[in-house]
């Protein structure tokens, strides 16, 4: 529904913006979309499971890169004389967001492509990964990097310093 969404023309009722300009919306509600998808693709795929493997990979890579890099940057910085405090936490969070985006962007690209695969007549995460690699090269896995960092960076920039503040407030020592 999100991919084909858009503003409807008041006269014709067709979509005036979005990916399906000139067409009528296929569904009138989220429930209608869910039942139609389950009917067309079967329950296993139809219940919004397409791309779940790529989504889980993306989430795991994002969290692992974010937390590991943040703690490592803090540890190395403190060894080099940077005092514990907000400046260290914000700086480590900025770099951590960049590294997390680098780690998860390939899975993010695959997740998006797998979810849109039916429209393109493709199937399978490995087949799609092969197509990205052969058609676009390694940099194809980093398409949309700037918007991805614009989405992830601010979240991490707020999340990790707040977590540090809460940790200190509750007397929890860093590892």
Protein backbone atom coordinates (compact mmCIF):
# COMPACT_ATOMS: atom_id res chain seq x y z
CA UNK A 1 0.00 0.00 0.00
CA UNK A 2 2.85 2.38 0.78
CA UNK A 3 4.59 1.75 -2.53
CA UNK A 4 1.55 2.59 -4.60
CA UNK A 5 0.10 5.29 -2.35
CA UNK A 6 -0.60 8.74 -3.62
CA UNK A 7 -3.13 11.50 -3.86
CA UNK A 8 -6.39 10.65 -5.62
CA UNK A 9 -7.84 12.80 -8.36
CA UNK A 10 -11.12 14.23 -7.04
CA UNK A 11 -12.95 13.74 -10.35
CA UNK A 12 -11.78 10.35 -11.62
CA UNK A 13 -10.80 8.70 -8.33
CA UNK A 14 -7.55 7.50 -9.87
CA UNK A 15 -4.16 8.13 -8.32
CA UNK A 16 -2.72 11.51 -9.33
CA UNK A 17 0.66 10.93 -7.66
CA UNK A 18 2.81 7.95 -6.66
CA UNK A 19 3.92 4.84 -8.51
CA UNK A 20 0.49 4.01 -9.98
CA UNK A 21 -0.51 7.38 -11.46
CA UNK A 22 -3.67 7.02 -13.51
CA UNK A 23 -4.75 3.75 -11.89
CA UNK A 24 -7.36 3.16 -9.23
CA UNK A 25 -6.06 2.10 -5.83
CA UNK A 26 -6.00 -1.67 -5.55
CA UNK A 27 -7.18 -1.78 -1.94
CA UNK A 28 -9.55 0.29 0.17
CA UNK A 29 -8.08 -0.68 3.54
CA UNK A 30 -5.11 -2.33 5.21
CA UNK A 31 -7.22 -5.36 6.01
CA UNK A 32 -8.25 -5.62 2.34
CA UNK A 33 -4.60 -5.47 1.30
CA UNK A 34 -3.63 -8.16 3.83
CA UNK A 35 -6.37 -10.57 2.78
CA UNK A 36 -5.72 -10.04 -0.93
CA UNK A 37 -1.98 -10.60 -0.42
CA UNK A 38 -2.59 -13.78 1.60
CA UNK A 39 -5.02 -15.04 -1.07
CA UNK A 40 -2.61 -14.31 -3.97
CA UNK A 41 0.66 -15.39 -2.41
CA UNK A 42 -0.40 -17.93 0.20
CA UNK A 43 -0.44 -17.59 3.93
CA UNK A 44 3.29 -18.09 4.56
CA UNK A 45 4.35 -15.35 2.13
CA UNK A 46 1.11 -13.42 2.23
CA UNK A 47 1.25 -12.62 5.93
CA UNK A 48 3.92 -10.00 5.35
CA UNK A 49 6.86 -12.37 5.59
CA UNK A 50 8.49 -11.51 2.28
CA UNK A 51 11.93 -10.18 3.06
CA UNK A 52 11.88 -11.17 6.73
CA UNK A 53 15.33 -12.81 6.45
CA UNK A 54 16.84 -9.68 4.92
CA UNK A 55 15.06 -7.53 7.52
CA UNK A 56 16.43 -9.62 10.37
CA UNK A 57 19.92 -9.52 8.87
CA UNK A 58 19.71 -5.76 8.57
CA UNK A 59 18.58 -5.35 12.18
CA UNK A 60 21.32 -7.66 13.48
CA UNK A 61 24.03 -5.90 11.47
CA UNK A 62 22.81 -2.46 12.53
CA UNK A 63 22.70 -3.29 16.24
CA UNK A 64 25.97 -5.22 16.27
CA UNK A 65 27.88 -2.49 14.41
CA UNK A 66 26.28 0.29 16.45
CA UNK A 67 26.96 -1.16 19.88
CA UNK A 68 30.38 -2.66 19.17
CA UNK A 69 31.73 0.44 17.46
CA UNK A 70 30.31 2.81 20.08
CA UNK A 71 31.91 0.94 22.98
CA UNK A 72 35.18 0.47 21.12
CA UNK A 73 35.41 4.15 20.15
CA UNK A 74 34.76 5.16 23.76
CA UNK A 75 37.37 2.73 25.12
CA UNK A 76 40.08 3.81 22.67
CA UNK A 77 39.27 7.50 23.18
CA UNK A 78 39.49 7.21 26.97
CA UNK A 79 42.87 5.41 26.65
CA UNK A 80 44.07 8.39 24.61
CA UNK A 81 43.06 10.87 27.27
CA UNK A 82 39.58 11.94 26.17
CA UNK A 83 37.58 12.48 29.35
CA UNK A 84 34.29 10.67 29.93
CA UNK A 85 31.40 13.01 29.23
CA UNK A 86 28.87 14.31 26.72
CA UNK A 87 31.49 15.26 24.10
CA UNK A 88 32.89 11.74 24.07
CA UNK A 89 29.40 10.21 23.92
CA UNK A 90 28.23 12.43 21.05
CA UNK A 91 31.46 11.93 19.07
CA UNK A 92 31.35 8.16 19.54
CA UNK A 93 27.66 8.11 18.57
CA UNK A 94 28.35 10.06 15.34
CA UNK A 95 31.03 7.62 14.23
CA UNK A 96 28.99 4.65 15.43
CA UNK A 97 26.04 5.77 13.28
CA UNK A 98 28.30 5.99 10.24
CA UNK A 99 29.76 2.53 10.83
CA UNK A 100 26.33 1.03 11.54
CA UNK A 101 25.05 2.45 8.25
CA UNK A 102 28.06 1.02 6.40
CA UNK A 103 27.41 -2.38 7.95
CA UNK A 104 23.67 -2.60 7.35
CA UNK A 105 23.22 -0.77 4.03
CA UNK A 106 23.83 -3.89 1.88
CA UNK A 107 21.15 -5.77 3.83
CA UNK A 108 18.89 -2.71 3.62
CA UNK A 109 19.24 -2.64 -0.17
CA UNK A 110 18.49 -6.37 -0.36
CA UNK A 111 15.52 -6.03 1.99
CA UNK A 112 13.99 -3.34 -0.21
CA UNK A 113 14.64 -5.28 -3.40
CA UNK A 114 13.30 -8.57 -2.01
CA UNK A 115 10.12 -6.85 -0.85
CA UNK A 116 9.64 -5.39 -4.33
CA UNK A 117 10.71 -8.57 -6.17
CA UNK A 118 7.29 -9.76 -7.24
CA UNK A 119 6.71 -6.67 -9.36
CA UNK A 120 10.03 -7.23 -11.11
CA UNK A 121 9.48 -10.97 -11.59
CA UNK A 122 12.51 -11.89 -9.48
CA UNK A 123 12.69 -14.17 -6.50
CA UNK A 124 15.07 -15.18 -3.77
CA UNK A 125 17.47 -13.09 -1.74
CA UNK A 126 20.58 -14.75 -3.20
CA UNK A 127 19.34 -14.26 -6.77
CA UNK A 128 18.65 -10.61 -6.08
CA UNK A 129 22.04 -10.17 -4.39
CA UNK A 130 23.68 -11.70 -7.45
CA UNK A 131 21.78 -9.33 -9.74
CA UNK A 132 22.83 -6.28 -7.70
CA UNK A 133 26.46 -7.45 -7.71
CA UNK A 134 26.59 -8.20 -11.44
CA UNK A 135 24.50 -5.26 -12.70
CA UNK A 136 25.66 -2.52 -10.34
CA UNK A 137 28.86 -3.82 -8.79
CA UNK A 138 29.76 -3.66 -5.11
CA UNK A 139 28.66 -0.03 -4.84
CA UNK A 140 25.14 -1.12 -5.77
CA UNK A 141 24.80 -2.40 -2.22
CA UNK A 142 25.41 1.16 -0.99
CA UNK A 143 22.70 2.87 -3.01
CA UNK A 144 20.81 5.28 -0.81
CA UNK A 145 23.64 5.51 1.71
CA UNK A 146 23.19 9.23 2.43
CA UNK A 147 19.44 8.96 3.16
CA UNK A 148 20.10 5.83 5.23
CA UNK A 149 22.65 7.70 7.35
CA UNK A 150 20.28 10.66 7.58
CA UNK A 151 17.73 8.25 9.06
CA UNK A 152 20.05 6.20 11.31
CA UNK A 153 22.57 8.86 12.36
CA UNK A 154 20.23 11.15 14.31
CA UNK A 155 18.61 8.17 16.04
CA UNK A 156 21.95 6.89 17.28
CA UNK A 157 23.11 10.42 18.07
CA UNK A 158 20.19 10.79 20.48
CA UNK A 159 19.84 7.19 21.66
CA UNK A 160 23.36 6.42 22.85
CA UNK A 161 24.10 9.62 24.81
CA UNK A 162 20.67 9.30 26.49
CA UNK A 163 21.50 5.68 27.37
CA UNK A 164 24.82 6.87 28.86
CA UNK A 165 23.03 9.51 30.93
CA UNK A 166 20.53 6.94 32.22
CA UNK A 167 23.32 4.47 32.94
CA UNK A 168 25.15 7.05 35.06
CA UNK A 169 21.93 8.19 36.77
CA UNK A 170 21.19 4.61 37.88
CA UNK A 171 24.79 3.93 38.91
CA UNK A 172 25.48 1.29 36.28
CA UNK A 173 29.16 1.10 35.38
CA UNK A 174 30.32 0.79 31.80
CA UNK A 175 31.73 -2.52 30.70
